[in-house]
C-alpha cells in the first residue's frame, strides 16, 4: 500500500516536471495570463465551465479570481457557469443537457469576454456547443485540456494541453495550471492597480 501511494505521488510529480519543461505549455499559459489581464483591464469578464471534477475546478478558479489568492486587491470578474442549479436543471429539462453552457454564454457573454473551458477529454458536447456559441459572440476561448485535447482543441483560441492519459493526473496538473494563471493574473493586476 505504501508503494502504491508513493507511485501515485511520483506519477503526479513526473507529469508536472514534464509540464515545467514544455516550452509550448509555458508559452500558452503566458498568453492566457496576458489576455485575461488585458480583458479585465478593459472591463470584460471571465466565464468558466467544465463537467464533473472540472466543474469543481471552474468554481475554484472563479473563487480565486473574485476573492483573492495571495494579496488584497479588487475582485476580478469571473463566473463559474456550473454553480446555478436552477439554470442548469431548467436548461437540461426544457432544452437539453448539451445546452447548459451555451445558453449561459449566449445570455451572459459579450464580445471581448473570455470563456475558459476545462476538460480532461475535450469531447463533452456541452463544452463544444459553448465554444461554438462563444465564437459567434466574439468571446475569446481558452481550453485547459487533457489527453489529445479532443474536438475542443480545434474550437478554442488558446489550448493548454496536458498530454497524459490518466484522468486523475490530468486533473492534478490542470489545477496547478489554473493556480498559476490566477497567481500571475493577480500579480499583474496588482502592478497596474
N, C-alpha and C. Protein backbone atom coordinates (compact mmCIF):
# COMPACT_ATOMS: atom_id res chain seq x y z
N UNK A 1 0.81 -1.19 0.00
CA UNK A 1 0.00 0.00 0.00
C UNK A 1 0.86 1.26 0.00
N UNK A 2 1.93 1.27 0.80
CA UNK A 2 2.82 2.43 0.85
C UNK A 2 3.45 2.67 -0.51
N UNK A 3 3.87 1.60 -1.18
CA UNK A 3 4.47 1.74 -2.51
C UNK A 3 3.46 2.27 -3.52
N UNK A 4 2.20 1.90 -3.38
CA UNK A 4 1.15 2.42 -4.26
C UNK A 4 1.01 3.93 -4.08
N UNK A 5 1.00 4.36 -2.84
CA UNK A 5 0.88 5.79 -2.56
C UNK A 5 2.07 6.55 -3.16
N UNK A 6 3.27 6.02 -2.94
CA UNK A 6 4.47 6.68 -3.47
C UNK A 6 4.46 6.69 -5.00
N UNK A 7 3.96 5.63 -5.60
CA UNK A 7 3.88 5.55 -7.06
C UNK A 7 2.93 6.61 -7.63
N UNK A 8 1.79 6.78 -6.98
CA UNK A 8 0.81 7.79 -7.42
C UNK A 8 1.41 9.19 -7.29
N UNK A 9 2.06 9.46 -6.18
CA UNK A 9 2.70 10.78 -5.98
C UNK A 9 3.76 11.00 -7.04
N UNK A 10 4.57 9.97 -7.32
CA UNK A 10 5.63 10.10 -8.32
C UNK A 10 5.05 10.38 -9.70
N UNK A 11 3.94 9.72 -10.06
CA UNK A 11 3.29 9.98 -11.36
C UNK A 11 2.89 11.45 -11.47
N UNK A 12 2.32 11.98 -10.40
CA UNK A 12 1.90 13.38 -10.40
C UNK A 12 3.10 14.32 -10.54
N UNK A 13 4.15 14.03 -9.80
CA UNK A 13 5.37 14.85 -9.86
C UNK A 13 5.99 14.78 -11.25
N UNK A 14 6.07 13.57 -11.81
CA UNK A 14 6.67 13.40 -13.14
C UNK A 14 5.91 14.18 -14.20
N UNK A 15 4.58 14.16 -14.15
CA UNK A 15 3.78 14.92 -15.12
C UNK A 15 4.03 16.42 -14.95
N UNK A 16 4.07 16.89 -13.74
CA UNK A 16 4.31 18.31 -13.51
C UNK A 16 5.71 18.71 -13.96
N UNK A 17 6.70 17.83 -13.81
CA UNK A 17 8.04 18.11 -14.32
C UNK A 17 8.02 18.21 -15.84
N UNK A 18 7.27 17.33 -16.50
CA UNK A 18 7.14 17.39 -17.97
C UNK A 18 6.53 18.72 -18.40
N UNK A 19 5.52 19.17 -17.68
CA UNK A 19 4.88 20.45 -17.99
C UNK A 19 5.87 21.59 -17.78
N UNK A 20 6.62 21.54 -16.71
CA UNK A 20 7.60 22.58 -16.40
C UNK A 20 8.63 22.71 -17.52
N UNK A 21 8.95 21.60 -18.16
CA UNK A 21 9.98 21.60 -19.21
C UNK A 21 9.40 21.76 -20.61
N UNK A 22 8.08 21.91 -20.73
CA UNK A 22 7.42 22.02 -22.03
C UNK A 22 7.22 23.50 -22.36
N UNK A 23 8.07 24.03 -23.23
CA UNK A 23 8.01 25.45 -23.58
C UNK A 23 6.68 25.84 -24.22
N UNK A 24 6.06 24.92 -24.93
CA UNK A 24 4.78 25.22 -25.56
C UNK A 24 3.69 25.50 -24.51
N UNK A 25 3.62 24.66 -23.48
CA UNK A 25 2.63 24.88 -22.42
C UNK A 25 2.93 26.18 -21.67
N UNK A 26 4.19 26.43 -21.37
CA UNK A 26 4.57 27.66 -20.66
C UNK A 26 4.16 28.87 -21.49
N UNK A 27 4.42 28.83 -22.79
CA UNK A 27 4.06 29.92 -23.69
C UNK A 27 2.54 30.13 -23.71
N UNK A 28 1.78 29.03 -23.76
CA UNK A 28 0.32 29.14 -23.77
C UNK A 28 -0.20 29.74 -22.47
N UNK A 29 0.38 29.33 -21.35
CA UNK A 29 -0.02 29.89 -20.06
C UNK A 29 0.23 31.40 -20.04
N UNK A 30 1.39 31.81 -20.52
CA UNK A 30 1.71 33.24 -20.56
C UNK A 30 0.74 34.01 -21.45
N UNK A 31 0.35 33.42 -22.59
CA UNK A 31 -0.64 34.04 -23.47
C UNK A 31 -1.96 34.23 -22.74
N UNK A 32 -2.38 33.19 -22.03
CA UNK A 32 -3.64 33.26 -21.29
C UNK A 32 -3.59 34.37 -20.25
N UNK A 33 -2.50 34.45 -19.51
CA UNK A 33 -2.36 35.48 -18.48
C UNK A 33 -2.47 36.86 -19.11
N UNK A 34 -1.76 37.09 -20.20
CA UNK A 34 -1.78 38.39 -20.88
C UNK A 34 -3.18 38.73 -21.36
N UNK A 35 -3.86 37.77 -21.97
CA UNK A 35 -5.21 38.02 -22.48
C UNK A 35 -6.19 38.30 -21.33
N UNK A 36 -6.10 37.52 -20.27
CA UNK A 36 -7.00 37.73 -19.13
C UNK A 36 -6.76 39.11 -18.52
N UNK A 37 -5.52 39.47 -18.30
CA UNK A 37 -5.20 40.77 -17.70
C UNK A 37 -5.72 41.90 -18.60
N UNK A 38 -5.45 41.83 -19.89
CA UNK A 38 -5.92 42.88 -20.81
C UNK A 38 -7.43 42.96 -20.85
N UNK A 39 -8.09 41.82 -20.86
CA UNK A 39 -9.56 41.82 -20.89
C UNK A 39 -10.14 42.42 -19.62
N UNK A 40 -9.59 42.04 -18.47
CA UNK A 40 -10.08 42.57 -17.19
C UNK A 40 -9.85 44.09 -17.14
N UNK A 41 -8.71 44.54 -17.58
CA UNK A 41 -8.44 45.98 -17.60
C UNK A 41 -9.41 46.73 -18.51
N UNK A 42 -9.94 46.05 -19.50
CA UNK A 42 -10.90 46.65 -20.43
C UNK A 42 -12.35 46.42 -20.00
N UNK A 43 -12.55 46.01 -18.75
CA UNK A 43 -13.90 45.87 -18.22
C UNK A 43 -14.62 44.61 -18.63
N UNK A 44 -13.90 43.61 -19.07
CA UNK A 44 -14.51 42.35 -19.51
C UNK A 44 -14.52 41.34 -18.37
N UNK A 45 -15.27 40.27 -18.57
CA UNK A 45 -15.39 39.24 -17.53
C UNK A 45 -14.92 37.89 -18.06
N UNK A 46 -14.76 36.97 -17.11
CA UNK A 46 -14.31 35.62 -17.42
C UNK A 46 -15.42 34.66 -17.03
N UNK A 47 -15.81 33.81 -17.98
CA UNK A 47 -16.76 32.73 -17.73
C UNK A 47 -15.97 31.44 -17.74
N UNK A 48 -16.31 30.51 -16.85
CA UNK A 48 -15.54 29.27 -16.74
C UNK A 48 -16.51 28.10 -16.63
N UNK A 49 -16.22 27.01 -17.34
CA UNK A 49 -17.12 25.84 -17.31
C UNK A 49 -16.33 24.54 -17.45
N UNK A 50 -16.93 23.49 -16.92
CA UNK A 50 -16.40 22.14 -17.04
C UNK A 50 -17.41 21.18 -16.44
N UNK A 51 -17.20 19.91 -16.61
CA UNK A 51 -18.10 18.87 -16.09
C UNK A 51 -17.39 18.06 -15.01
N UNK A 52 -18.16 17.54 -14.06
CA UNK A 52 -17.59 16.67 -13.02
C UNK A 52 -16.55 17.40 -12.20
N UNK A 53 -15.35 16.81 -12.08
CA UNK A 53 -14.26 17.45 -11.35
C UNK A 53 -13.87 18.78 -11.97
N UNK A 54 -14.03 18.89 -13.28
CA UNK A 54 -13.72 20.14 -13.97
C UNK A 54 -14.74 21.22 -13.63
N UNK A 55 -15.97 20.82 -13.28
CA UNK A 55 -16.97 21.78 -12.81
C UNK A 55 -16.51 22.37 -11.48
N UNK A 56 -16.01 21.50 -10.61
CA UNK A 56 -15.48 21.98 -9.33
C UNK A 56 -14.28 22.88 -9.55
N UNK A 57 -13.41 22.52 -10.51
CA UNK A 57 -12.25 23.36 -10.82
C UNK A 57 -12.67 24.72 -11.35
N UNK A 58 -13.74 24.76 -12.15
CA UNK A 58 -14.19 26.05 -12.68
C UNK A 58 -14.68 26.94 -11.55
N UNK A 59 -15.36 26.35 -10.57
CA UNK A 59 -15.82 27.11 -9.41
C UNK A 59 -14.63 27.59 -8.58
N UNK A 60 -13.67 26.72 -8.41
CA UNK A 60 -12.47 27.06 -7.63
C UNK A 60 -11.73 28.21 -8.29
N UNK A 61 -11.56 28.14 -9.61
CA UNK A 61 -10.85 29.19 -10.33
C UNK A 61 -11.59 30.52 -10.24
N UNK A 62 -12.90 30.49 -10.41
CA UNK A 62 -13.69 31.73 -10.29
C UNK A 62 -13.55 32.31 -8.89
N UNK A 63 -13.56 31.45 -7.88
CA UNK A 63 -13.44 31.92 -6.50
C UNK A 63 -12.09 32.58 -6.26
N UNK A 64 -11.03 32.02 -6.82
CA UNK A 64 -9.69 32.61 -6.66
C UNK A 64 -9.63 33.99 -7.30
N UNK A 65 -10.30 34.15 -8.45
CA UNK A 65 -10.27 35.42 -9.16
C UNK A 65 -11.14 36.48 -8.49
N UNK A 66 -12.34 36.09 -8.09
CA UNK A 66 -13.25 37.05 -7.44
C UNK A 66 -12.77 37.37 -6.03
N UNK A 67 -12.32 36.37 -5.32
CA UNK A 67 -11.81 36.57 -3.96
C UNK A 67 -10.39 37.09 -4.02
N UNK A 68 -9.49 36.23 -3.64
CA UNK A 68 -8.07 36.56 -3.74
C UNK A 68 -7.28 35.27 -3.60
N UNK A 69 -6.07 35.32 -4.08
CA UNK A 69 -5.16 34.19 -3.93
C UNK A 69 -4.15 34.52 -2.82
N UNK A 70 -3.37 35.57 -3.05
CA UNK A 70 -2.32 35.93 -2.10
C UNK A 70 -2.40 37.35 -1.56
N UNK A 71 -3.07 38.22 -2.28
CA UNK A 71 -3.00 39.64 -1.96
C UNK A 71 -4.37 40.30 -1.93
N UNK A 72 -4.52 41.29 -1.07
CA UNK A 72 -5.73 42.09 -1.08
C UNK A 72 -5.74 42.90 -2.38
N UNK A 73 -6.84 42.85 -3.10
CA UNK A 73 -6.96 43.54 -4.38
C UNK A 73 -8.42 43.65 -4.73
N UNK A 74 -8.70 44.39 -5.79
CA UNK A 74 -10.07 44.45 -6.29
C UNK A 74 -10.44 43.09 -6.86
N UNK A 75 -11.71 42.71 -6.77
CA UNK A 75 -12.13 41.43 -7.34
C UNK A 75 -12.03 41.44 -8.86
N UNK A 76 -11.70 40.30 -9.40
CA UNK A 76 -11.64 40.11 -10.85
C UNK A 76 -12.95 39.45 -11.27
N UNK A 77 -13.68 40.02 -12.23
CA UNK A 77 -15.00 39.48 -12.58
C UNK A 77 -14.91 38.10 -13.26
N UNK A 78 -15.34 37.09 -12.53
CA UNK A 78 -15.32 35.72 -13.04
C UNK A 78 -16.58 34.99 -12.57
N UNK A 79 -17.16 34.21 -13.46
CA UNK A 79 -18.38 33.47 -13.16
C UNK A 79 -18.19 32.01 -13.57
N UNK A 80 -18.42 31.10 -12.64
CA UNK A 80 -18.43 29.68 -12.96
C UNK A 80 -19.84 29.33 -13.46
N UNK A 81 -19.94 28.85 -14.67
CA UNK A 81 -21.24 28.52 -15.26
C UNK A 81 -21.80 27.21 -14.71
N UNK A 82 -21.13 26.65 -13.73
CA UNK A 82 -21.51 25.35 -13.15
C UNK A 82 -22.23 25.48 -11.83
N UNK A 83 -22.48 26.70 -11.37
CA UNK A 83 -22.93 26.88 -9.99
C UNK A 83 -24.43 27.09 -9.80
N UNK A 84 -25.13 27.50 -10.83
CA UNK A 84 -26.55 27.82 -10.66
C UNK A 84 -27.40 26.60 -11.00
N UNK A 85 -27.78 25.86 -9.96
CA UNK A 85 -28.53 24.61 -10.20
C UNK A 85 -29.88 24.86 -10.83
N UNK A 86 -30.49 26.00 -10.57
CA UNK A 86 -31.78 26.30 -11.21
C UNK A 86 -31.62 26.46 -12.71
N UNK A 87 -30.59 27.20 -13.13
CA UNK A 87 -30.34 27.37 -14.56
C UNK A 87 -29.98 26.02 -15.19
N UNK A 88 -29.07 25.30 -14.57
CA UNK A 88 -28.61 24.02 -15.14
C UNK A 88 -29.76 23.03 -15.28
N UNK A 89 -30.58 22.91 -14.25
CA UNK A 89 -31.68 21.93 -14.33
C UNK A 89 -32.79 22.41 -15.25
N UNK A 90 -33.06 23.70 -15.29
CA UNK A 90 -34.09 24.21 -16.20
C UNK A 90 -33.68 24.01 -17.66
N UNK A 91 -32.45 24.35 -17.98
CA UNK A 91 -31.98 24.17 -19.36
C UNK A 91 -31.95 22.69 -19.72
N UNK A 92 -31.47 21.85 -18.79
CA UNK A 92 -31.44 20.41 -19.04
C UNK A 92 -32.83 19.85 -19.27
N UNK A 93 -33.79 20.33 -18.49
CA UNK A 93 -35.17 19.84 -18.58
C UNK A 93 -35.90 20.40 -19.80
N UNK A 94 -35.79 21.72 -20.00
CA UNK A 94 -36.57 22.38 -21.04
C UNK A 94 -35.92 22.30 -22.41
N UNK A 95 -34.61 22.14 -22.46
CA UNK A 95 -33.89 22.05 -23.72
C UNK A 95 -33.16 20.72 -23.75
N UNK A 96 -31.87 20.76 -23.37
CA UNK A 96 -31.07 19.54 -23.35
C UNK A 96 -29.82 19.81 -22.52
N UNK A 97 -29.29 18.78 -21.87
CA UNK A 97 -28.09 18.95 -21.06
C UNK A 97 -26.94 19.52 -21.90
N UNK A 98 -26.91 19.21 -23.17
CA UNK A 98 -25.84 19.71 -24.02
C UNK A 98 -25.90 21.23 -24.20
N UNK A 99 -27.00 21.86 -23.79
CA UNK A 99 -27.16 23.30 -23.93
C UNK A 99 -26.85 24.11 -22.67
N UNK A 100 -26.48 23.43 -21.56
CA UNK A 100 -26.39 24.15 -20.27
C UNK A 100 -25.36 25.27 -20.29
N UNK A 101 -24.28 25.12 -21.01
CA UNK A 101 -23.27 26.18 -21.03
C UNK A 101 -23.48 27.14 -22.19
N UNK A 102 -23.88 26.64 -23.34
CA UNK A 102 -24.06 27.52 -24.50
C UNK A 102 -25.16 28.55 -24.26
N UNK A 103 -26.24 28.15 -23.60
CA UNK A 103 -27.32 29.12 -23.30
C UNK A 103 -26.83 30.19 -22.33
N UNK A 104 -26.01 29.79 -21.37
CA UNK A 104 -25.46 30.78 -20.44
C UNK A 104 -24.48 31.72 -21.15
N UNK A 105 -23.68 31.17 -22.03
CA UNK A 105 -22.76 32.02 -22.81
C UNK A 105 -23.58 33.01 -23.64
N UNK A 106 -24.63 32.51 -24.28
CA UNK A 106 -25.48 33.37 -25.10
C UNK A 106 -26.09 34.49 -24.25
N UNK A 107 -26.48 34.19 -23.03
CA UNK A 107 -27.13 35.17 -22.15
C UNK A 107 -26.15 36.13 -21.50
N UNK A 108 -24.96 35.66 -21.14
CA UNK A 108 -24.07 36.43 -20.28
C UNK A 108 -22.85 37.04 -20.97
N UNK A 109 -22.41 36.44 -22.06
CA UNK A 109 -21.13 36.84 -22.65
C UNK A 109 -21.30 38.01 -23.62
N UNK A 110 -20.27 38.83 -23.63
CA UNK A 110 -20.18 39.95 -24.56
C UNK A 110 -18.87 39.84 -25.33
N UNK A 111 -18.79 40.49 -26.50
CA UNK A 111 -17.52 40.46 -27.24
C UNK A 111 -16.36 40.92 -26.36
N UNK A 112 -15.26 40.21 -26.44
CA UNK A 112 -14.08 40.53 -25.64
C UNK A 112 -14.02 39.84 -24.30
N UNK A 113 -15.16 39.26 -23.84
CA UNK A 113 -15.12 38.45 -22.63
C UNK A 113 -14.32 37.19 -22.92
N UNK A 114 -14.04 36.44 -21.88
CA UNK A 114 -13.25 35.21 -22.00
C UNK A 114 -14.08 34.03 -21.50
N UNK A 115 -14.01 32.93 -22.23
CA UNK A 115 -14.61 31.67 -21.79
C UNK A 115 -13.49 30.65 -21.62
N UNK A 116 -13.32 30.16 -20.39
CA UNK A 116 -12.33 29.12 -20.11
C UNK A 116 -13.08 27.81 -19.96
N UNK A 117 -12.70 26.84 -20.76
CA UNK A 117 -13.33 25.52 -20.74
C UNK A 117 -12.30 24.51 -20.22
N UNK A 118 -12.68 23.79 -19.17
CA UNK A 118 -11.78 22.82 -18.54
C UNK A 118 -12.33 21.42 -18.84
N UNK A 119 -11.48 20.57 -19.42
CA UNK A 119 -11.93 19.22 -19.78
C UNK A 119 -10.75 18.27 -19.87
N UNK A 120 -10.91 17.09 -19.31
CA UNK A 120 -9.85 16.08 -19.44
C UNK A 120 -9.90 15.38 -20.79
N UNK A 121 -11.07 15.34 -21.42
CA UNK A 121 -11.20 14.65 -22.71
C UNK A 121 -11.32 15.60 -23.90
N UNK A 122 -11.93 16.76 -23.68
CA UNK A 122 -12.16 17.70 -24.77
C UNK A 122 -13.30 17.30 -25.69
N UNK A 123 -14.12 16.37 -25.26
CA UNK A 123 -15.19 15.88 -26.13
C UNK A 123 -16.60 16.04 -25.58
N UNK A 124 -16.78 16.74 -24.49
CA UNK A 124 -18.12 16.92 -23.92
C UNK A 124 -18.93 17.85 -24.83
N UNK A 125 -20.08 17.38 -25.25
CA UNK A 125 -20.90 18.13 -26.19
C UNK A 125 -21.28 19.50 -25.63
N UNK A 126 -21.58 19.57 -24.33
CA UNK A 126 -21.97 20.87 -23.77
C UNK A 126 -20.83 21.88 -23.82
N UNK A 127 -19.60 21.44 -23.73
CA UNK A 127 -18.46 22.35 -23.85
C UNK A 127 -18.21 22.73 -25.31
N UNK A 128 -18.38 21.77 -26.20
CA UNK A 128 -18.22 22.05 -27.64
C UNK A 128 -19.23 23.11 -28.08
N UNK A 129 -20.48 22.96 -27.65
CA UNK A 129 -21.52 23.92 -28.00
C UNK A 129 -21.25 25.29 -27.38
N UNK A 130 -20.71 25.30 -26.17
CA UNK A 130 -20.36 26.57 -25.53
C UNK A 130 -19.26 27.29 -26.30
N UNK A 131 -18.27 26.53 -26.77
CA UNK A 131 -17.18 27.12 -27.55
C UNK A 131 -17.71 27.71 -28.86
N UNK A 132 -18.62 27.00 -29.49
CA UNK A 132 -19.21 27.49 -30.75
C UNK A 132 -20.01 28.77 -30.50
N UNK A 133 -20.80 28.79 -29.44
CA UNK A 133 -21.59 29.99 -29.12
C UNK A 133 -20.66 31.15 -28.79
N UNK A 134 -19.59 30.88 -28.08
CA UNK A 134 -18.63 31.93 -27.74
C UNK A 134 -18.04 32.54 -29.01
N UNK A 135 -17.70 31.70 -29.97
CA UNK A 135 -17.16 32.19 -31.25
C UNK A 135 -18.17 33.11 -31.92
N UNK A 136 -19.44 32.71 -31.90
CA UNK A 136 -20.50 33.52 -32.51
C UNK A 136 -20.61 34.89 -31.86
N UNK A 137 -20.27 34.97 -30.58
CA UNK A 137 -20.42 36.22 -29.83
C UNK A 137 -19.13 37.03 -29.73
N UNK A 138 -18.06 36.57 -30.35
CA UNK A 138 -16.79 37.31 -30.29
C UNK A 138 -16.11 37.20 -28.94
N UNK A 139 -16.30 36.05 -28.29
CA UNK A 139 -15.70 35.78 -26.99
C UNK A 139 -14.40 35.02 -27.21
N UNK A 140 -13.37 35.36 -26.46
CA UNK A 140 -12.08 34.67 -26.53
C UNK A 140 -12.21 33.35 -25.78
N UNK A 141 -11.80 32.26 -26.42
CA UNK A 141 -11.95 30.93 -25.80
C UNK A 141 -10.59 30.33 -25.46
N UNK A 142 -10.55 29.76 -24.25
CA UNK A 142 -9.34 29.11 -23.74
C UNK A 142 -9.74 27.72 -23.30
N UNK A 143 -8.96 26.72 -23.67
CA UNK A 143 -9.20 25.36 -23.23
C UNK A 143 -8.06 24.87 -22.36
N UNK A 144 -8.39 24.41 -21.17
CA UNK A 144 -7.40 23.72 -20.32
C UNK A 144 -7.78 22.25 -20.44
N UNK A 145 -7.03 21.54 -21.28
CA UNK A 145 -7.46 20.24 -21.78
C UNK A 145 -6.49 19.13 -21.42
N UNK A 146 -6.98 17.89 -21.52
CA UNK A 146 -6.15 16.72 -21.27
C UNK A 146 -6.12 15.80 -22.47
N UNK A 147 -5.37 14.72 -22.33
CA UNK A 147 -5.20 13.69 -23.35
C UNK A 147 -4.73 14.33 -24.65
N UNK A 148 -5.52 14.19 -25.75
CA UNK A 148 -5.13 14.81 -27.03
C UNK A 148 -5.91 16.09 -27.30
N UNK A 149 -6.69 16.54 -26.32
CA UNK A 149 -7.48 17.76 -26.47
C UNK A 149 -8.85 17.54 -27.08
N UNK A 150 -9.08 16.33 -27.62
CA UNK A 150 -10.37 16.00 -28.21
C UNK A 150 -10.78 16.98 -29.29
N UNK A 151 -12.07 17.10 -29.50
CA UNK A 151 -12.62 18.00 -30.52
C UNK A 151 -12.48 19.46 -30.10
N UNK A 152 -12.41 19.69 -28.81
CA UNK A 152 -12.37 21.06 -28.29
C UNK A 152 -11.09 21.79 -28.67
N UNK A 153 -10.00 21.06 -28.84
CA UNK A 153 -8.71 21.69 -29.11
C UNK A 153 -8.76 22.54 -30.38
N UNK A 154 -9.60 22.14 -31.34
CA UNK A 154 -9.70 22.88 -32.60
C UNK A 154 -10.70 24.03 -32.52
N UNK A 155 -11.49 24.09 -31.45
CA UNK A 155 -12.52 25.13 -31.32
C UNK A 155 -12.10 26.30 -30.44
N UNK A 156 -11.05 26.12 -29.64
CA UNK A 156 -10.64 27.19 -28.74
C UNK A 156 -9.51 28.02 -29.36
N UNK A 157 -9.46 29.29 -28.95
CA UNK A 157 -8.41 30.17 -29.45
C UNK A 157 -7.05 29.80 -28.87
N UNK A 158 -7.04 29.46 -27.59
CA UNK A 158 -5.77 29.11 -26.93
C UNK A 158 -5.97 27.81 -26.15
N UNK A 159 -5.38 26.72 -26.65
CA UNK A 159 -5.43 25.47 -25.88
C UNK A 159 -4.19 25.32 -25.00
N UNK A 160 -4.41 24.85 -23.79
CA UNK A 160 -3.31 24.42 -22.92
C UNK A 160 -3.53 22.93 -22.72
N UNK A 161 -2.64 22.14 -23.27
CA UNK A 161 -2.85 20.69 -23.32
C UNK A 161 -1.94 19.95 -22.36
N UNK A 162 -2.57 19.20 -21.44
CA UNK A 162 -1.85 18.31 -20.54
C UNK A 162 -1.87 16.93 -21.22
N UNK A 163 -0.74 16.56 -21.81
CA UNK A 163 -0.65 15.33 -22.59
C UNK A 163 -0.41 14.14 -21.66
N UNK A 164 -1.50 13.51 -21.27
CA UNK A 164 -1.43 12.35 -20.38
C UNK A 164 -2.73 11.58 -20.55
N UNK A 165 -2.74 10.32 -20.19
CA UNK A 165 -3.94 9.50 -20.35
C UNK A 165 -4.71 9.27 -19.06
N UNK A 166 -4.07 9.49 -17.91
CA UNK A 166 -4.72 9.23 -16.63
C UNK A 166 -5.50 10.47 -16.19
N UNK A 167 -6.81 10.33 -16.07
CA UNK A 167 -7.69 11.46 -15.75
C UNK A 167 -7.30 12.14 -14.45
N UNK A 168 -6.99 11.35 -13.41
CA UNK A 168 -6.63 11.95 -12.12
C UNK A 168 -5.37 12.81 -12.23
N UNK A 169 -4.34 12.29 -12.91
CA UNK A 169 -3.10 13.05 -13.06
C UNK A 169 -3.35 14.31 -13.89
N UNK A 170 -4.19 14.20 -14.94
CA UNK A 170 -4.53 15.37 -15.76
C UNK A 170 -5.18 16.43 -14.88
N UNK A 171 -6.15 16.02 -14.05
CA UNK A 171 -6.84 16.98 -13.20
C UNK A 171 -5.89 17.67 -12.22
N UNK A 172 -4.96 16.91 -11.67
CA UNK A 172 -4.00 17.49 -10.74
C UNK A 172 -3.14 18.55 -11.45
N UNK A 173 -2.72 18.23 -12.67
CA UNK A 173 -1.91 19.17 -13.45
C UNK A 173 -2.74 20.38 -13.88
N UNK A 174 -3.99 20.14 -14.25
CA UNK A 174 -4.85 21.26 -14.64
C UNK A 174 -5.04 22.22 -13.48
N UNK A 175 -5.26 21.70 -12.29
CA UNK A 175 -5.43 22.57 -11.12
C UNK A 175 -4.17 23.40 -10.88
N UNK A 176 -3.01 22.80 -11.06
CA UNK A 176 -1.76 23.54 -10.93
C UNK A 176 -1.72 24.68 -11.95
N UNK A 177 -2.08 24.38 -13.19
CA UNK A 177 -2.08 25.40 -14.26
C UNK A 177 -3.08 26.51 -13.93
N UNK A 178 -4.25 26.14 -13.44
CA UNK A 178 -5.26 27.14 -13.07
C UNK A 178 -4.74 28.05 -11.96
N UNK A 179 -4.06 27.47 -10.98
CA UNK A 179 -3.48 28.28 -9.90
C UNK A 179 -2.38 29.19 -10.44
N UNK A 180 -1.58 28.70 -11.35
CA UNK A 180 -0.52 29.54 -11.94
C UNK A 180 -1.15 30.72 -12.65
N UNK A 181 -2.18 30.46 -13.45
CA UNK A 181 -2.87 31.55 -14.16
C UNK A 181 -3.42 32.56 -13.17
N UNK A 182 -4.13 32.10 -12.16
CA UNK A 182 -4.71 33.02 -11.17
C UNK A 182 -3.63 33.83 -10.46
N UNK A 183 -2.55 33.17 -10.08
CA UNK A 183 -1.49 33.85 -9.36
C UNK A 183 -0.83 34.92 -10.22
N UNK A 184 -0.53 34.59 -11.48
CA UNK A 184 0.12 35.57 -12.35
C UNK A 184 -0.82 36.70 -12.74
N UNK A 185 -2.09 36.38 -12.94
CA UNK A 185 -3.08 37.43 -13.22
C UNK A 185 -3.15 38.38 -12.02
N UNK A 186 -3.24 37.82 -10.84
CA UNK A 186 -3.30 38.64 -9.63
C UNK A 186 -2.07 39.54 -9.52
N UNK A 187 -0.90 39.00 -9.78
CA UNK A 187 0.33 39.81 -9.72
C UNK A 187 0.28 40.97 -10.71
N UNK A 188 -0.17 40.66 -11.94
CA UNK A 188 -0.22 41.70 -12.98
C UNK A 188 -1.28 42.76 -12.66
N UNK A 189 -2.41 42.33 -12.15
CA UNK A 189 -3.48 43.27 -11.80
C UNK A 189 -2.99 44.18 -10.68
N UNK A 190 -2.25 43.63 -9.72
CA UNK A 190 -1.72 44.43 -8.60
C UNK A 190 -0.72 45.46 -9.10
N UNK A 191 0.08 45.10 -10.07
CA UNK A 191 1.10 46.02 -10.60
C UNK A 191 0.45 47.24 -11.22
N UNK A 192 -0.71 47.03 -11.87
CA UNK A 192 -1.35 48.12 -12.60
C UNK A 192 -2.56 48.69 -11.89
N UNK A 193 -2.80 48.30 -10.66
CA UNK A 193 -3.97 48.82 -9.91
C UNK A 193 -3.74 50.24 -9.46
